[in-house]
Amino acid sequence: MNPTNKAKFRQSLIERRNHLAHQLMSMEESVLGGAQSGSSPTHMADISGDNFDQDMNIGLLEKDFRIFRQINEAIERIDDPNFGVCESCQREIGLRRLEHVPYARLCVNCQRRAESNNFMGFY
């Protein structure tokens, strides 16, 4: 991968990281604020609904944090000569995929294979 493309992906990753960091802080405040609010529901349906919302928000927070971590890892390895190379098949990931998912570690085919095997460790 040429230096111009690497610079473009570095900038994209930094922008995504900054946006996601702001989003994570807002979401974390919302999740923690909801757990610490002074008014507590007394009806079982309200309690159940609140628990569902809280669980869903925590799940979204975990997903976004996982992506945040993957973005940081991509920024750290962008100067590595293997950035943009699939960690599974060793072929180039492809600029189109990297434009959409600049923190990708697998090419589209290997990602599909990983997902079909229920292995979600890479994106």
C-alpha atoms as a PDB file:
ATOM      1  CA  MET A   1       0.000   0.000   0.000  1.00  0.00           C
ATOM      2  CA  ASN A   2       1.374   3.374  -0.960  1.00  0.00           C
ATOM      3  CA  PRO A   3       2.059   6.175   1.550  1.00  0.00           C
ATOM      4  CA  THR A   4      -0.769   8.370   0.191  1.00  0.00           C
ATOM      5  CA  ASN A   5      -3.364   5.658   0.850  1.00  0.00           C
ATOM      6  CA  LYS A   6      -1.911   4.986   4.294  1.00  0.00           C
ATOM      7  CA  ALA A   7      -2.159   8.687   5.162  1.00  0.00           C
ATOM      8  CA  LYS A   8      -5.762   8.730   3.961  1.00  0.00           C
ATOM      9  CA  PHE A   9      -6.642   5.676   6.057  1.00  0.00           C
ATOM     10  CA  ARG A  10      -4.805   7.074   9.099  1.00  0.00           C
ATOM     11  CA  GLN A  11      -6.875  10.265   8.859  1.00  0.00           C
ATOM     12  CA  SER A  12     -10.088   8.261   8.412  1.00  0.00           C
ATOM     13  CA  LEU A  13      -9.265   6.092  11.424  1.00  0.00           C
ATOM     14  CA  ILE A  14      -8.475   9.096  13.610  1.00  0.00           C
ATOM     15  CA  GLU A  15     -11.724  10.807  12.608  1.00  0.00           C
ATOM     16  CA  ARG A  16     -13.718   7.642  13.309  1.00  0.00           C
ATOM     17  CA  ARG A  17     -11.979   7.179  16.646  1.00  0.00           C
ATOM     18  CA  ASN A  18     -12.731  10.762  17.704  1.00  0.00           C
ATOM     19  CA  HIS A  19     -16.378  10.473  16.654  1.00  0.00           C
ATOM     20  CA  LEU A  20     -16.771   7.124  18.389  1.00  0.00           C
ATOM     21  CA  ALA A  21     -15.043   8.391  21.563  1.00  0.00           C
ATOM     22  CA  HIS A  22     -17.579  11.195  21.799  1.00  0.00           C
ATOM     23  CA  GLN A  23     -20.411   8.751  21.114  1.00  0.00           C
ATOM     24  CA  LEU A  24     -19.113   6.326  23.749  1.00  0.00           C
ATOM     25  CA  MET A  25     -18.901   9.033  26.393  1.00  0.00           C
ATOM     26  CA  SER A  26     -22.473  10.149  25.689  1.00  0.00           C
ATOM     27  CA  MET A  27     -23.740   6.578  25.696  1.00  0.00           C
ATOM     28  CA  GLU A  28     -21.861   5.742  28.887  1.00  0.00           C
ATOM     29  CA  GLU A  29     -23.331   8.798  30.620  1.00  0.00           C
ATOM     30  CA  SER A  30     -26.783   7.730  29.457  1.00  0.00           C
ATOM     31  CA  VAL A  31     -26.340   4.151  30.659  1.00  0.00           C
ATOM     32  CA  LEU A  32     -24.838   5.155  33.999  1.00  0.00           C
ATOM     33  CA  GLY A  33     -27.257   8.043  34.421  1.00  0.00           C
ATOM     34  CA  GLY A  34     -30.216   5.719  33.898  1.00  0.00           C
ATOM     35  CA  ALA A  35     -28.875   3.314  36.487  1.00  0.00           C
ATOM     36  CA  GLN A  36     -28.405   6.091  39.035  1.00  0.00           C
ATOM     37  CA  SER A  37     -31.605   8.079  38.437  1.00  0.00           C
ATOM     38  CA  GLY A  38     -33.585   8.957  41.550  1.00  0.00           C
ATOM     39  CA  SER A  39     -36.980   7.836  40.278  1.00  0.00           C
ATOM     40  CA  SER A  40     -37.476   4.117  40.179  1.00  0.00           C
ATOM     41  CA  PRO A  41     -40.465   2.427  38.560  1.00  0.00           C
ATOM     42  CA  THR A  42     -42.764   0.423  40.773  1.00  0.00           C
ATOM     43  CA  HIS A  43     -44.761  -1.477  38.153  1.00  0.00           C
ATOM     44  CA  MET A  44     -43.237  -4.780  37.012  1.00  0.00           C
ATOM     45  CA  ALA A  45     -43.739  -3.921  33.319  1.00  0.00           C
ATOM     46  CA  ASP A  46     -41.880  -0.644  33.802  1.00  0.00           C
ATOM     47  CA  ILE A  47     -39.045  -2.404  35.615  1.00  0.00           C
ATOM     48  CA  SER A  48     -38.833  -5.037  32.885  1.00  0.00           C
ATOM     49  CA  GLY A  49     -38.812  -2.384  30.168  1.00  0.00           C
ATOM     50  CA  ASP A  50     -36.107  -0.412  31.949  1.00  0.00           C
ATOM     51  CA  ASN A  51     -33.995  -3.550  32.352  1.00  0.00           C
ATOM     52  CA  PHE A  52     -34.404  -4.382  28.668  1.00  0.00           C
ATOM     53  CA  ASP A  53     -33.380  -0.860  27.644  1.00  0.00           C
ATOM     54  CA  GLN A  54     -30.421  -0.950  30.000  1.00  0.00           C
ATOM     55  CA  ASP A  55     -29.268  -4.340  28.666  1.00  0.00           C
ATOM     56  CA  MET A  56     -29.625  -3.165  25.074  1.00  0.00           C
ATOM     57  CA  ASN A  57     -27.675   0.021  25.771  1.00  0.00           C
ATOM     58  CA  ILE A  58     -24.921  -1.928  27.497  1.00  0.00           C
ATOM     59  CA  GLY A  59     -24.742  -4.276  24.488  1.00  0.00           C
ATOM     60  CA  LEU A  60     -24.422  -1.307  22.120  1.00  0.00           C
ATOM     61  CA  LEU A  61     -21.788   0.240  24.360  1.00  0.00           C
ATOM     62  CA  GLU A  62     -19.770  -3.006  24.334  1.00  0.00           C
ATOM     63  CA  LYS A  63     -20.028  -3.265  20.526  1.00  0.00           C
ATOM     64  CA  ASP A  64     -18.913   0.325  20.031  1.00  0.00           C
ATOM     65  CA  PHE A  65     -16.073  -0.112  22.514  1.00  0.00           C
ATOM     66  CA  ARG A  66     -14.910  -3.222  20.616  1.00  0.00           C
ATOM     67  CA  ILE A  67     -14.854  -1.179  17.389  1.00  0.00           C
ATOM     68  CA  PHE A  68     -13.036   1.652  19.206  1.00  0.00           C
ATOM     69  CA  ARG A  69     -10.371  -0.847  20.289  1.00  0.00           C
ATOM     70  CA  GLN A  70     -10.080  -2.227  16.727  1.00  0.00           C
ATOM     71  CA  ILE A  71      -9.643   1.300  15.382  1.00  0.00           C
ATOM     72  CA  ASN A  72      -6.852   1.989  17.898  1.00  0.00           C
ATOM     73  CA  GLU A  73      -5.149  -1.264  16.922  1.00  0.00           C
ATOM     74  CA  ALA A  74      -5.387  -0.319  13.226  1.00  0.00           C
ATOM     75  CA  ILE A  75      -3.832   3.094  13.934  1.00  0.00           C
ATOM     76  CA  GLU A  76      -0.953   1.350  15.730  1.00  0.00           C
ATOM     77  CA  ARG A  77      -0.310  -1.056  12.849  1.00  0.00           C
ATOM     78  CA  ILE A  78      -0.854   1.333   9.928  1.00  0.00           C
ATOM     79  CA  ASP A  79       2.895   1.797   9.442  1.00  0.00           C
ATOM     80  CA  ASP A  80       3.389  -1.963   9.413  1.00  0.00           C
ATOM     81  CA  PRO A  81       4.087  -3.208   5.879  1.00  0.00           C
ATOM     82  CA  ASN A  82       1.266  -5.737   6.331  1.00  0.00           C
ATOM     83  CA  PHE A  83      -1.430  -3.113   6.919  1.00  0.00           C
ATOM     84  CA  GLY A  84      -4.134  -3.784   4.341  1.00  0.00           C
ATOM     85  CA  VAL A  85      -3.122  -7.433   4.003  1.00  0.00           C
ATOM     86  CA  CYS A  86      -5.584 -10.121   5.103  1.00  0.00           C
ATOM     87  CA  GLU A  87      -4.351 -11.860   8.234  1.00  0.00           C
ATOM     88  CA  SER A  88      -5.860 -15.125   7.040  1.00  0.00           C
ATOM     89  CA  CYS A  89      -5.054 -15.534   3.324  1.00  0.00           C
ATOM     90  CA  GLN A  90      -2.248 -12.936   3.083  1.00  0.00           C
ATOM     91  CA  ARG A  91      -3.880 -11.241   0.046  1.00  0.00           C
ATOM     92  CA  GLU A  92      -4.547  -7.525  -0.137  1.00  0.00           C
ATOM     93  CA  ILE A  93      -7.789  -6.589   1.580  1.00  0.00           C
ATOM     94  CA  GLY A  94      -8.792  -4.159  -1.142  1.00  0.00           C
ATOM     95  CA  LEU A  95      -9.184  -0.415  -1.064  1.00  0.00           C
ATOM     96  CA  ARG A  96     -12.977  -0.493  -1.324  1.00  0.00           C
ATOM     97  CA  ARG A  97     -13.308  -2.598   1.817  1.00  0.00           C
ATOM     98  CA  LEU A  98     -10.753  -0.492   3.663  1.00  0.00           C
ATOM     99  CA  GLU A  99     -12.610   2.677   2.685  1.00  0.00           C
ATOM    100  CA  HIS A 100     -15.689   1.309   4.439  1.00  0.00           C
ATOM    101  CA  VAL A 101     -13.933  -0.537   7.272  1.00  0.00           C
ATOM    102  CA  PRO A 102     -10.410   0.914   7.601  1.00  0.00           C
ATOM    103  CA  TYR A 103      -9.752  -1.245  10.660  1.00  0.00           C
ATOM    104  CA  ALA A 104     -10.479  -4.485   8.773  1.00  0.00           C
ATOM    105  CA  ARG A 105      -8.016  -7.317   9.335  1.00  0.00           C
ATOM    106  CA  LEU A 106      -9.615  -9.763   6.908  1.00  0.00           C
ATOM    107  CA  CYS A 107     -10.572  -9.556   3.253  1.00  0.00           C
ATOM    108  CA  VAL A 108     -14.248  -9.930   2.376  1.00  0.00           C
ATOM    109  CA  ASN A 109     -13.985 -13.653   1.592  1.00  0.00           C
ATOM    110  CA  CYS A 110     -12.146 -14.521   4.785  1.00  0.00           C
ATOM    111  CA  GLN A 111     -14.503 -12.319   6.822  1.00  0.00           C
ATOM    112  CA  ARG A 112     -17.494 -14.173   5.384  1.00  0.00           C
ATOM    113  CA  ARG A 113     -15.832 -17.483   6.165  1.00  0.00           C
ATOM    114  CA  ALA A 114     -15.069 -16.355   9.707  1.00  0.00           C
ATOM    115  CA  GLU A 115     -18.646 -15.206  10.249  1.00  0.00           C
ATOM    116  CA  SER A 116     -20.068 -18.429   8.872  1.00  0.00           C
ATOM    117  CA  ASN A 117     -17.879 -20.313  11.333  1.00  0.00           C
ATOM    118  CA  ASN A 118     -19.209 -18.060  14.126  1.00  0.00           C
ATOM    119  CA  PHE A 119     -15.754 -16.682  14.679  1.00  0.00           C
ATOM    120  CA  MET A 120     -16.291 -12.958  15.218  1.00  0.00           C
ATOM    121  CA  GLY A 121     -12.854 -12.014  16.513  1.00  0.00           C
ATOM    122  CA  PHE A 122     -11.934  -9.986  13.438  1.00  0.00           C
ATOM    123  CA  TYR A 123     -13.744  -7.458  11.357  1.00  0.00           C
END
